[in-house]
Amino acid sequence: ISRNNAKNTVYLEMNSLTPEDTATYYCNLRTSRDYWGTGT
């Protein structure tokens, strides 16, 4: 996982993927509460 603070962007580089990694992946931003993306 990495982030670009200037762009408020977070990345997830995934290697050696297996079928068990199959899922919907959700982005989360935590301030005083949680915000969620719609998933990919």
PDB file of all heavy atoms in Angstrom:
ATOM      1  N   ILE A   1       0.849  -1.180   0.000  1.00  0.00           N
ATOM      2  CA  ILE A   1       0.000   0.000   0.000  1.00  0.00           C
ATOM      3  C   ILE A   1       0.890   1.237   0.000  1.00  0.00           C
ATOM      4  O   ILE A   1       1.946   1.261   0.636  1.00  0.00           O
ATOM      5  CB  ILE A   1      -0.961   0.002   1.209  1.00  0.00           C
ATOM      6  CG1 ILE A   1      -2.005   1.113   1.074  1.00  0.00           C
ATOM      7  CG2 ILE A   1      -0.202   0.115   2.534  1.00  0.00           C
ATOM      8  CD1 ILE A   1      -3.135   1.016   2.080  1.00  0.00           C
ATOM      9  N   SER A   2       0.464   2.247  -0.732  1.00  0.00           N
ATOM     10  CA  SER A   2       1.200   3.506  -0.771  1.00  0.00           C
ATOM     11  C   SER A   2       0.200   4.643  -0.962  1.00  0.00           C
ATOM     12  O   SER A   2      -0.967   4.403  -1.302  1.00  0.00           O
ATOM     13  CB  SER A   2       2.237   3.504  -1.880  1.00  0.00           C
ATOM     14  OG  SER A   2       1.634   3.320  -3.150  1.00  0.00           O
ATOM     15  N   ARG A   3       0.654   5.866  -0.744  1.00  0.00           N
ATOM     16  CA  ARG A   3      -0.245   6.994  -0.896  1.00  0.00           C
ATOM     17  C   ARG A   3       0.490   8.198  -1.454  1.00  0.00           C
ATOM     18  O   ARG A   3       1.700   8.338  -1.285  1.00  0.00           O
ATOM     19  CB  ARG A   3      -0.907   7.353   0.431  1.00  0.00           C
ATOM     20  CG  ARG A   3       0.046   7.820   1.506  1.00  0.00           C
ATOM     21  CD  ARG A   3      -0.653   8.007   2.840  1.00  0.00           C
ATOM     22  NE  ARG A   3      -1.557   9.165   2.832  1.00  0.00           N
ATOM     23  CZ  ARG A   3      -2.313   9.512   3.862  1.00  0.00           C
ATOM     24  NH1 ARG A   3      -2.316   8.769   4.963  1.00  0.00           N
ATOM     25  NH2 ARG A   3      -3.092  10.569   3.799  1.00  0.00           N
ATOM     26  N   ASN A   4      -0.267   9.063  -2.095  1.00  0.00           N
ATOM     27  CA  ASN A   4       0.215  10.345  -2.577  1.00  0.00           C
ATOM     28  C   ASN A   4      -0.597  11.391  -1.822  1.00  0.00           C
ATOM     29  O   ASN A   4      -1.768  11.628  -2.145  1.00  0.00           O
ATOM     30  CB  ASN A   4       0.025  10.456  -4.087  1.00  0.00           C
ATOM     31  CG  ASN A   4       0.577  11.749  -4.646  1.00  0.00           C
ATOM     32  OD1 ASN A   4       0.468  12.803  -4.025  1.00  0.00           O
ATOM     33  ND2 ASN A   4       1.172  11.672  -5.822  1.00  0.00           N
ATOM     34  N   ASN A   5      -0.004  11.985  -0.824  1.00  0.00           N
ATOM     35  CA  ASN A   5      -0.743  12.929   0.023  1.00  0.00           C
ATOM     36  C   ASN A   5      -1.224  14.148  -0.762  1.00  0.00           C
ATOM     37  O   ASN A   5      -2.315  14.663  -0.517  1.00  0.00           O
ATOM     38  CB  ASN A   5       0.126  13.378   1.192  1.00  0.00           C
ATOM     39  CG  ASN A   5       0.345  12.260   2.194  1.00  0.00           C
ATOM     40  OD1 ASN A   5      -0.455  11.333   2.311  1.00  0.00           O
ATOM     41  ND2 ASN A   5       1.439  12.334   2.930  1.00  0.00           N
ATOM     42  N   ALA A   6      -0.412  14.594  -1.698  1.00  0.00           N
ATOM     43  CA  ALA A   6      -0.779  15.783  -2.466  1.00  0.00           C
ATOM     44  C   ALA A   6      -2.030  15.536  -3.302  1.00  0.00           C
ATOM     45  O   ALA A   6      -2.803  16.466  -3.566  1.00  0.00           O
ATOM     46  CB  ALA A   6       0.381  16.209  -3.350  1.00  0.00           C
ATOM     47  N   LYS A   7      -2.212  14.294  -3.716  1.00  0.00           N
ATOM     48  CA  LYS A   7      -3.358  13.962  -4.571  1.00  0.00           C
ATOM     49  C   LYS A   7      -4.467  13.257  -3.795  1.00  0.00           C
ATOM     50  O   LYS A   7      -5.474  12.867  -4.390  1.00  0.00           O
ATOM     51  CB  LYS A   7      -2.909  13.061  -5.722  1.00  0.00           C
ATOM     52  CG  LYS A   7      -1.940  13.721  -6.692  1.00  0.00           C
ATOM     53  CD  LYS A   7      -1.598  12.793  -7.841  1.00  0.00           C
ATOM     54  CE  LYS A   7      -0.664  13.455  -8.836  1.00  0.00           C
ATOM     55  NZ  LYS A   7      -0.318  12.558  -9.970  1.00  0.00           N
ATOM     56  N   ASN A   8      -4.282  13.087  -2.484  1.00  0.00           N
ATOM     57  CA  ASN A   8      -5.263  12.333  -1.676  1.00  0.00           C
ATOM     58  C   ASN A   8      -5.604  11.004  -2.339  1.00  0.00           C
ATOM     59  O   ASN A   8      -6.782  10.635  -2.466  1.00  0.00           O
ATOM     60  CB  ASN A   8      -6.530  13.158  -1.446  1.00  0.00           C
ATOM     61  CG  ASN A   8      -6.365  14.166  -0.330  1.00  0.00           C
ATOM     62  OD1 ASN A   8      -5.498  14.029   0.534  1.00  0.00           O
ATOM     63  ND2 ASN A   8      -7.167  15.208  -0.359  1.00  0.00           N
ATOM     64  N   THR A   9      -4.582  10.319  -2.771  1.00  0.00           N
ATOM     65  CA  THR A   9      -4.757   9.058  -3.482  1.00  0.00           C
ATOM     66  C   THR A   9      -4.013   7.944  -2.768  1.00  0.00           C
ATOM     67  O   THR A   9      -2.901   8.154  -2.275  1.00  0.00           O
ATOM     68  CB  THR A   9      -4.247   9.188  -4.927  1.00  0.00           C
ATOM     69  OG1 THR A   9      -4.971  10.230  -5.582  1.00  0.00           O
ATOM     70  CG2 THR A   9      -4.445   7.894  -5.691  1.00  0.00           C
ATOM     71  N   VAL A  10      -4.635   6.788  -2.725  1.00  0.00           N
ATOM     72  CA  VAL A  10      -4.002   5.610  -2.138  1.00  0.00           C
ATOM     73  C   VAL A  10      -3.977   4.501  -3.182  1.00  0.00           C
ATOM     74  O   VAL A  10      -4.894   4.393  -4.003  1.00  0.00           O
ATOM     75  CB  VAL A  10      -4.734   5.166  -0.854  1.00  0.00           C
ATOM     76  CG1 VAL A  10      -6.166   4.737  -1.140  1.00  0.00           C
ATOM     77  CG2 VAL A  10      -3.966   4.068  -0.138  1.00  0.00           C
ATOM     78  N   TYR A  11      -2.923   3.708  -3.148  1.00  0.00           N
ATOM     79  CA  TYR A  11      -2.725   2.644  -4.122  1.00  0.00           C
ATOM     80  C   TYR A  11      -2.560   1.309  -3.398  1.00  0.00           C
ATOM     81  O   TYR A  11      -2.097   1.253  -2.262  1.00  0.00           O
ATOM     82  CB  TYR A  11      -1.481   2.911  -4.962  1.00  0.00           C
ATOM     83  CG  TYR A  11      -1.450   4.271  -5.603  1.00  0.00           C
ATOM     84  CD1 TYR A  11      -0.783   5.334  -4.997  1.00  0.00           C
ATOM     85  CD2 TYR A  11      -2.090   4.508  -6.821  1.00  0.00           C
ATOM     86  CE1 TYR A  11      -0.758   6.594  -5.568  1.00  0.00           C
ATOM     87  CE2 TYR A  11      -2.063   5.768  -7.406  1.00  0.00           C
ATOM     88  CZ  TYR A  11      -1.394   6.800  -6.780  1.00  0.00           C
ATOM     89  OH  TYR A  11      -1.380   8.046  -7.347  1.00  0.00           O
ATOM     90  N   LEU A  12      -2.919   0.255  -4.088  1.00  0.00           N
ATOM     91  CA  LEU A  12      -2.661  -1.083  -3.579  1.00  0.00           C
ATOM     92  C   LEU A  12      -2.078  -1.905  -4.724  1.00  0.00           C
ATOM     93  O   LEU A  12      -2.783  -2.229  -5.688  1.00  0.00           O
ATOM     94  CB  LEU A  12      -3.936  -1.742  -3.059  1.00  0.00           C
ATOM     95  CG  LEU A  12      -3.728  -3.112  -2.405  1.00  0.00           C
ATOM     96  CD1 LEU A  12      -2.940  -2.956  -1.091  1.00  0.00           C
ATOM     97  CD2 LEU A  12      -5.067  -3.804  -2.138  1.00  0.00           C
ATOM     98  N   GLU A  13      -0.814  -2.205  -4.616  1.00  0.00           N
ATOM     99  CA  GLU A  13      -0.163  -3.046  -5.611  1.00  0.00           C
ATOM    100  C   GLU A  13      -0.244  -4.485  -5.130  1.00  0.00           C
ATOM    101  O   GLU A  13       0.212  -4.812  -4.022  1.00  0.00           O
ATOM    102  CB  GLU A  13       1.291  -2.624  -5.808  1.00  0.00           C
ATOM    103  CG  GLU A  13       1.984  -3.371  -6.932  1.00  0.00           C
ATOM    104  CD  GLU A  13       3.263  -2.697  -7.380  1.00  0.00           C
ATOM    105  OE1 GLU A  13       3.598  -1.635  -6.835  1.00  0.00           O
ATOM    106  OE2 GLU A  13       3.928  -3.255  -8.265  1.00  0.00           O
ATOM    107  N   MET A  14      -0.832  -5.332  -5.965  1.00  0.00           N
ATOM    108  CA  MET A  14      -1.081  -6.716  -5.584  1.00  0.00           C
ATOM    109  C   MET A  14      -0.306  -7.648  -6.502  1.00  0.00           C
ATOM    110  O   MET A  14      -0.483  -7.591  -7.723  1.00  0.00           O
ATOM    111  CB  MET A  14      -2.581  -7.024  -5.670  1.00  0.00           C
ATOM    112  CG  MET A  14      -3.450  -6.049  -4.878  1.00  0.00           C
ATOM    113  SD  MET A  14      -5.189  -6.493  -4.862  1.00  0.00           S
ATOM    114  CE  MET A  14      -5.597  -6.217  -6.577  1.00  0.00           C
ATOM    115  N   ASN A  15       0.519  -8.474  -5.935  1.00  0.00           N
ATOM    116  CA  ASN A  15       1.326  -9.430  -6.688  1.00  0.00           C
ATOM    117  C   ASN A  15       1.020 -10.850  -6.223  1.00  0.00           C
ATOM    118  O   ASN A  15       0.448 -11.061  -5.152  1.00  0.00           O
ATOM    119  CB  ASN A  15       2.811  -9.130  -6.501  1.00  0.00           C
ATOM    120  CG  ASN A  15       3.202  -7.750  -6.999  1.00  0.00           C
ATOM    121  OD1 ASN A  15       2.883  -7.378  -8.126  1.00  0.00           O
ATOM    122  ND2 ASN A  15       3.900  -6.993  -6.174  1.00  0.00           N
ATOM    123  N   SER A  16       1.417 -11.795  -7.025  1.00  0.00           N
ATOM    124  CA  SER A  16       1.237 -13.215  -6.692  1.00  0.00           C
ATOM    125  C   SER A  16      -0.201 -13.516  -6.281  1.00  0.00           C
ATOM    126  O   SER A  16      -0.458 -14.180  -5.279  1.00  0.00           O
ATOM    127  CB  SER A  16       2.197 -13.616  -5.560  1.00  0.00           C
ATOM    128  OG  SER A  16       3.533 -13.382  -5.921  1.00  0.00           O
ATOM    129  N   LEU A  17      -1.110 -13.025  -7.068  1.00  0.00           N
ATOM    130  CA  LEU A  17      -2.526 -13.185  -6.742  1.00  0.00           C
ATOM    131  C   LEU A  17      -2.956 -14.641  -6.843  1.00  0.00           C
ATOM    132  O   LEU A  17      -2.476 -15.397  -7.707  1.00  0.00           O
ATOM    133  CB  LEU A  17      -3.370 -12.313  -7.657  1.00  0.00           C
ATOM    134  CG  LEU A  17      -3.308 -10.810  -7.331  1.00  0.00           C
ATOM    135  CD1 LEU A  17      -3.761  -9.971  -8.519  1.00  0.00           C
ATOM    136  CD2 LEU A  17      -4.151 -10.497  -6.108  1.00  0.00           C
ATOM    137  N   THR A  18      -3.849 -15.020  -5.970  1.00  0.00           N
ATOM    138  CA  THR A  18      -4.410 -16.373  -5.954  1.00  0.00           C
ATOM    139  C   THR A  18      -5.937 -16.261  -6.060  1.00  0.00           C
ATOM    140  O   THR A  18      -6.512 -15.197  -5.823  1.00  0.00           O
ATOM    141  CB  THR A  18      -4.055 -17.112  -4.668  1.00  0.00           C
ATOM    142  OG1 THR A  18      -4.815 -16.555  -3.580  1.00  0.00           O
ATOM    143  CG2 THR A  18      -2.570 -16.994  -4.342  1.00  0.00           C
ATOM    144  N   PRO A  19      -6.596 -17.351  -6.401  1.00  0.00           N
ATOM    145  CA  PRO A  19      -8.068 -17.303  -6.472  1.00  0.00           C
ATOM    146  C   PRO A  19      -8.703 -16.869  -5.155  1.00  0.00           C
ATOM    147  O   PRO A  19      -9.806 -16.288  -5.171  1.00  0.00           O
ATOM    148  CB  PRO A  19      -8.429 -18.758  -6.824  1.00  0.00           C
ATOM    149  CG  PRO A  19      -7.247 -19.240  -7.598  1.00  0.00           C
ATOM    150  CD  PRO A  19      -6.055 -18.615  -6.938  1.00  0.00           C
ATOM    151  N   GLU A  20      -8.026 -17.103  -4.045  1.00  0.00           N
ATOM    152  CA  GLU A  20      -8.565 -16.687  -2.739  1.00  0.00           C
ATOM    153  C   GLU A  20      -8.575 -15.165  -2.576  1.00  0.00           C
ATOM    154  O   GLU A  20      -9.214 -14.646  -1.660  1.00  0.00           O
ATOM    155  CB  GLU A  20      -7.760 -17.318  -1.601  1.00  0.00           C
ATOM    156  CG  GLU A  20      -7.967 -18.826  -1.425  1.00  0.00           C
ATOM    157  CD  GLU A  20      -7.388 -19.653  -2.565  1.00  0.00           C
ATOM    158  OE1 GLU A  20      -6.309 -19.271  -3.088  1.00  0.00           O
ATOM    159  OE2 GLU A  20      -8.002 -20.670  -2.943  1.00  0.00           O
ATOM    160  N   ASP A  21      -7.891 -14.456  -3.441  1.00  0.00           N
ATOM    161  CA  ASP A  21      -7.905 -12.999  -3.399  1.00  0.00           C
ATOM    162  C   ASP A  21      -9.105 -12.413  -4.146  1.00  0.00           C
ATOM    163  O   ASP A  21      -9.303 -11.192  -4.138  1.00  0.00           O
ATOM    164  CB  ASP A  21      -6.617 -12.435  -4.006  1.00  0.00           C
ATOM    165  CG  ASP A  21      -5.389 -12.801  -3.190  1.00  0.00           C
ATOM    166  OD1 ASP A  21      -5.437 -12.674  -1.954  1.00  0.00           O
ATOM    167  OD2 ASP A  21      -4.377 -13.208  -3.800  1.00  0.00           O
ATOM    168  N   THR A  22      -9.871 -13.261  -4.781  1.00  0.00           N
ATOM    169  CA  THR A  22     -11.059 -12.793  -5.494  1.00  0.00           C
ATOM    170  C   THR A  22     -12.050 -12.171  -4.519  1.00  0.00           C
ATOM    171  O   THR A  22     -12.456 -12.804  -3.544  1.00  0.00           O
ATOM    172  CB  THR A  22     -11.721 -13.959  -6.247  1.00  0.00           C
ATOM    173  OG1 THR A  22     -10.833 -14.423  -7.260  1.00  0.00           O
ATOM    174  CG2 THR A  22     -13.028 -13.516  -6.885  1.00  0.00           C
ATOM    175  N   ALA A  23     -12.407 -10.926  -4.778  1.00  0.00           N
ATOM    176  CA  ALA A  23     -13.298 -10.193  -3.883  1.00  0.00           C
ATOM    177  C   ALA A  23     -13.568  -8.813  -4.476  1.00  0.00           C
ATOM    178  O   ALA A  23     -12.914  -8.400  -5.431  1.00  0.00           O
ATOM    179  CB  ALA A  23     -12.671 -10.036  -2.499  1.00  0.00           C
ATOM    180  N   THR A  24     -14.515  -8.123  -3.875  1.00  0.00           N
ATOM    181  CA  THR A  24     -14.679  -6.708  -4.162  1.00  0.00           C
ATOM    182  C   THR A  24     -13.806  -5.945  -3.168  1.00  0.00           C
ATOM    183  O   THR A  24     -13.910  -6.172  -1.954  1.00  0.00           O
ATOM    184  CB  THR A  24     -16.148  -6.291  -4.035  1.00  0.00           C
ATOM    185  OG1 THR A  24     -16.928  -7.014  -4.990  1.00  0.00           O
ATOM    186  CG2 THR A  24     -16.307  -4.799  -4.284  1.00  0.00           C
ATOM    187  N   TYR A  25     -12.987  -5.068  -3.690  1.00  0.00           N
ATOM    188  CA  TYR A  25     -12.056  -4.306  -2.874  1.00  0.00           C
ATOM    189  C   TYR A  25     -12.605  -2.892  -2.696  1.00  0.00           C
ATOM    190  O   TYR A  25     -12.955  -2.233  -3.678  1.00  0.00           O
ATOM    191  CB  TYR A  25     -10.678  -4.281  -3.534  1.00  0.00           C
ATOM    192  CG  TYR A  25      -9.948  -5.596  -3.377  1.00  0.00           C
ATOM    193  CD1 TYR A  25     -10.377  -6.729  -4.065  1.00  0.00           C
ATOM    194  CD2 TYR A  25      -8.853  -5.717  -2.525  1.00  0.00           C
ATOM    195  CE1 TYR A  25      -9.731  -7.944  -3.915  1.00  0.00           C
ATOM    196  CE2 TYR A  25      -8.197  -6.927  -2.365  1.00  0.00           C
ATOM    197  CZ  TYR A  25      -8.648  -8.037  -3.053  1.00  0.00           C
ATOM    198  OH  TYR A  25      -8.004  -9.248  -2.892  1.00  0.00           O
ATOM    199  N   TYR A  26     -12.639  -2.467  -1.443  1.00  0.00           N
ATOM    200  CA  TYR A  26     -13.208  -1.176  -1.088  1.00  0.00           C
ATOM    201  C   TYR A  26     -12.123  -0.254  -0.530  1.00  0.00           C
ATOM    202  O   TYR A  26     -11.328  -0.656   0.332  1.00  0.00           O
ATOM    203  CB  TYR A  26     -14.295  -1.331  -0.038  1.00  0.00           C
ATOM    204  CG  TYR A  26     -15.498  -2.092  -0.503  1.00  0.00           C
ATOM    205  CD1 TYR A  26     -15.581  -3.475  -0.338  1.00  0.00           C
ATOM    206  CD2 TYR A  26     -16.567  -1.440  -1.117  1.00  0.00           C
ATOM    207  CE1 TYR A  26     -16.690  -4.185  -0.767  1.00  0.00           C
ATOM    208  CE2 TYR A  26     -17.680  -2.136  -1.544  1.00  0.00           C
ATOM    209  CZ  TYR A  26     -17.733  -3.513  -1.365  1.00  0.00           C
ATOM    210  OH  TYR A  26     -18.840  -4.214  -1.798  1.00  0.00           O
ATOM    211  N   CYS A  27     -12.153   0.965  -0.993  1.00  0.00           N
ATOM    212  CA  CYS A  27     -11.281   1.993  -0.459  1.00  0.00           C
ATOM    213  C   CYS A  27     -11.936   2.590   0.792  1.00  0.00           C
ATOM    214  O   CYS A  27     -13.161   2.782   0.833  1.00  0.00           O
ATOM    215  CB  CYS A  27     -11.076   3.069  -1.515  1.00  0.00           C
ATOM    216  SG  CYS A  27     -10.034   4.440  -1.009  1.00  0.00           S
ATOM    217  N   ASN A  28     -11.131   2.891   1.778  1.00  0.00           N
ATOM    218  CA  ASN A  28     -11.616   3.474   3.032  1.00  0.00           C
ATOM    219  C   ASN A  28     -10.788   4.697   3.384  1.00  0.00           C
ATOM    220  O   ASN A  28      -9.557   4.677   3.298  1.00  0.00           O
ATOM    221  CB  ASN A  28     -11.532   2.453   4.163  1.00  0.00           C
ATOM    222  CG  ASN A  28     -11.785   3.048   5.525  1.00  0.00           C
ATOM    223  OD1 ASN A  28     -10.849   3.389   6.257  1.00  0.00           O
ATOM    224  ND2 ASN A  28     -13.049   3.199   5.879  1.00  0.00           N
ATOM    225  N   LEU A  29     -11.475   5.754   3.780  1.00  0.00           N
ATOM    226  CA  LEU A  29     -10.826   6.959   4.288  1.00  0.00           C
ATOM    227  C   LEU A  29     -11.337   7.178   5.699  1.00  0.00           C
ATOM    228  O   LEU A  29     -12.556   7.203   5.923  1.00  0.00           O
ATOM    229  CB  LEU A  29     -11.150   8.161   3.403  1.00  0.00           C
ATOM    230  CG  LEU A  29     -10.473   9.496   3.753  1.00  0.00           C
ATOM    231  CD1 LEU A  29     -10.384  10.361   2.496  1.00  0.00           C
ATOM    232  CD2 LEU A  29     -11.227  10.262   4.817  1.00  0.00           C
ATOM    233  N   ARG A  30     -10.422   7.308   6.627  1.00  0.00           N
ATOM    234  CA  ARG A  30     -10.816   7.465   8.028  1.00  0.00           C
ATOM    235  C   ARG A  30     -10.404   8.842   8.526  1.00  0.00           C
ATOM    236  O   ARG A  30      -9.227   9.195   8.500  1.00  0.00           O
ATOM    237  CB  ARG A  30     -10.185   6.380   8.883  1.00  0.00           C
ATOM    238  CG  ARG A  30     -10.466   6.501  10.381  1.00  0.00           C
ATOM    239  CD  ARG A  30     -10.175   5.212  11.092  1.00  0.00           C
ATOM    240  NE  ARG A  30     -11.090   4.153  10.673  1.00  0.00           N
ATOM    241  CZ  ARG A  30     -10.985   2.872  11.072  1.00  0.00           C
ATOM    242  NH1 ARG A  30      -9.997   2.519  11.887  1.00  0.00           N
ATOM    243  NH2 ARG A  30     -11.846   1.980  10.657  1.00  0.00           N
ATOM    244  N   THR A  31     -11.415   9.608   8.932  1.00  0.00           N
ATOM    245  CA  THR A  31     -11.171  10.866   9.626  1.00  0.00           C
ATOM    246  C   THR A  31     -11.803  10.699  10.995  1.00  0.00           C
ATOM    247  O   THR A  31     -11.424   9.800  11.749  1.00  0.00           O
ATOM    248  CB  THR A  31     -11.766  12.045   8.837  1.00  0.00           C
ATOM    249  OG1 THR A  31     -13.184  11.869   8.700  1.00  0.00           O
ATOM    250  CG2 THR A  31     -11.144  12.147   7.460  1.00  0.00           C
ATOM    251  N   SER A  32     -12.761  11.531  11.312  1.00  0.00           N
ATOM    252  CA  SER A  32     -13.529  11.307  12.534  1.00  0.00           C
ATOM    253  C   SER A  32     -14.628  10.282  12.288  1.00  0.00           C
ATOM    254  O   SER A  32     -15.324   9.862  13.199  1.00  0.00           O
ATOM    255  CB  SER A  32     -14.149  12.617  13.017  1.00  0.00           C
ATOM    256  OG  SER A  32     -14.966  13.160  12.012  1.00  0.00           O
ATOM    257  N   ARG A  33     -14.752   9.889  11.044  1.00  0.00           N
ATOM    258  CA  ARG A  33     -15.677   8.841  10.636  1.00  0.00           C
ATOM    259  C   ARG A  33     -15.069   8.121   9.449  1.00  0.00           C
ATOM    260  O   ARG A  33     -14.043   8.539   8.928  1.00  0.00           O
ATOM    261  CB  ARG A  33     -17.045   9.423  10.252  1.00  0.00           C
ATOM    262  CG  ARG A  33     -16.994  10.517   9.192  1.00  0.00           C
ATOM    263  CD  ARG A  33     -18.309  10.724   8.488  1.00  0.00           C
ATOM    264  NE  ARG A  33     -18.571   9.631   7.539  1.00  0.00           N
ATOM    265  CZ  ARG A  33     -19.599   9.611   6.711  1.00  0.00           C
ATOM    266  NH1 ARG A  33     -20.482  10.586   6.723  1.00  0.00           N
ATOM    267  NH2 ARG A  33     -19.772   8.596   5.889  1.00  0.00           N
ATOM    268  N   ASP A  34     -15.738   7.043   9.031  1.00  0.00           N
ATOM    269  CA  ASP A  34     -15.265   6.279   7.887  1.00  0.00           C
ATOM    270  C   ASP A  34     -16.043   6.643   6.630  1.00  0.00           C
ATOM    271  O   ASP A  34     -17.268   6.769   6.661  1.00  0.00           O
ATOM    272  CB  ASP A  34     -15.426   4.776   8.140  1.00  0.00           C
ATOM    273  CG  ASP A  34     -14.369   4.231   9.070  1.00  0.00           C
ATOM    274  OD1 ASP A  34     -13.204   4.645   8.933  1.00  0.00           O
ATOM    275  OD2 ASP A  34     -14.703   3.395   9.929  1.00  0.00           O
ATOM    276  N   TYR A  35     -15.311   6.774   5.549  1.00  0.00           N
ATOM    277  CA  TYR A  35     -15.899   6.937   4.228  1.00  0.00           C
ATOM    278  C   TYR A  35     -15.484   5.736   3.380  1.00  0.00           C
ATOM    279  O   TYR A  35     -14.369   5.228   3.506  1.00  0.00           O
ATOM    280  CB  TYR A  35     -15.402   8.223   3.560  1.00  0.00           C
ATOM    281  CG  TYR A  35     -15.786   9.483   4.281  1.00  0.00           C
ATOM    282  CD1 TYR A  35     -14.957  10.036   5.249  1.00  0.00           C
ATOM    283  CD2 TYR A  35     -16.991  10.138   3.997  1.00  0.00           C
ATOM    284  CE1 TYR A  35     -15.308  11.192   5.915  1.00  0.00           C
ATOM    285  CE2 TYR A  35     -17.344  11.296   4.662  1.00  0.00           C
ATOM    286  CZ  TYR A  35     -16.496  11.813   5.615  1.00  0.00           C
ATOM    287  OH  TYR A  35     -16.853  12.965   6.284  1.00  0.00           O
ATOM    288  N   TRP A  36     -16.423   5.325   2.492  1.00  0.00           N
ATOM    289  CA  TRP A  36     -16.176   4.138   1.685  1.00  0.00           C
ATOM    290  C   TRP A  36     -16.404   4.418   0.213  1.00  0.00           C
ATOM    291  O   TRP A  36     -17.300   5.182  -0.159  1.00  0.00           O
ATOM    292  CB  TRP A  36     -17.127   3.016   2.110  1.00  0.00           C
ATOM    293  CG  TRP A  36     -16.901   2.538   3.504  1.00  0.00           C
ATOM    294  CD1 TRP A  36     -17.546   2.963   4.628  1.00  0.00           C
ATOM    295  CD2 TRP A  36     -15.958   1.554   3.927  1.00  0.00           C
ATOM    296  NE1 TRP A  36     -17.055   2.298   5.724  1.00  0.00           N
ATOM    297  CE2 TRP A  36     -16.088   1.430   5.336  1.00  0.00           C
ATOM    298  CE3 TRP A  36     -15.023   0.767   3.270  1.00  0.00           C
ATOM    299  CZ2 TRP A  36     -15.309   0.548   6.073  1.00  0.00           C
ATOM    300  CZ3 TRP A  36     -14.254  -0.105   4.009  1.00  0.00           C
ATOM    301  CH2 TRP A  36     -14.394  -0.221   5.398  1.00  0.00           C
ATOM    302  N   GLY A  37     -15.597   3.771  -0.609  1.00  0.00           N
ATOM    303  CA  GLY A  37     -15.862   3.768  -2.032  1.00  0.00           C
ATOM    304  C   GLY A  37     -16.914   2.720  -2.352  1.00  0.00           C
ATOM    305  O   GLY A  37     -17.365   1.972  -1.479  1.00  0.00           O
ATOM    306  N   THR A  38     -17.277   2.656  -3.626  1.00  0.00           N
ATOM    307  CA  THR A  38     -18.307   1.709  -4.050  1.00  0.00           C
ATOM    308  C   THR A  38     -17.746   0.336  -4.357  1.00  0.00           C
ATOM    309  O   THR A  38     -18.505  -0.610  -4.548  1.00  0.00           O
ATOM    310  CB  THR A  38     -19.056   2.242  -5.275  1.00  0.00           C
ATOM    311  OG1 THR A  38     -18.096   2.492  -6.313  1.00  0.00           O
ATOM    312  CG2 THR A  38     -19.802   3.526  -4.940  1.00  0.00           C
ATOM    313  N   GLY A  39     -16.429   0.236  -4.412  1.00  0.00           N
ATOM    314  CA  GLY A  39     -15.798  -1.059  -4.600  1.00  0.00           C
ATOM    315  C   GLY A  39     -15.388  -1.321  -6.032  1.00  0.00           C
ATOM    316  O   GLY A  39     -16.000  -0.827  -6.983  1.00  0.00           O
ATOM    317  N   THR A  40     -14.346  -2.111  -6.170  1.00  0.00           N
ATOM    318  CA  THR A  40     -13.883  -2.556  -7.483  1.00  0.00           C
ATOM    319  C   THR A  40     -13.626  -4.055  -7.405  1.00  0.00           C
ATOM    320  O   THR A  40     -13.002  -4.544  -6.455  1.00  0.00           O
ATOM    321  CB  THR A  40     -12.627  -1.777  -7.929  1.00  0.00           C
ATOM    322  OG1 THR A  40     -12.277  -2.161  -9.265  1.00  0.00           O
ATOM    323  CG2 THR A  40     -11.441  -2.014  -7.009  1.00  0.00           C
TER     324      THR A  40
END
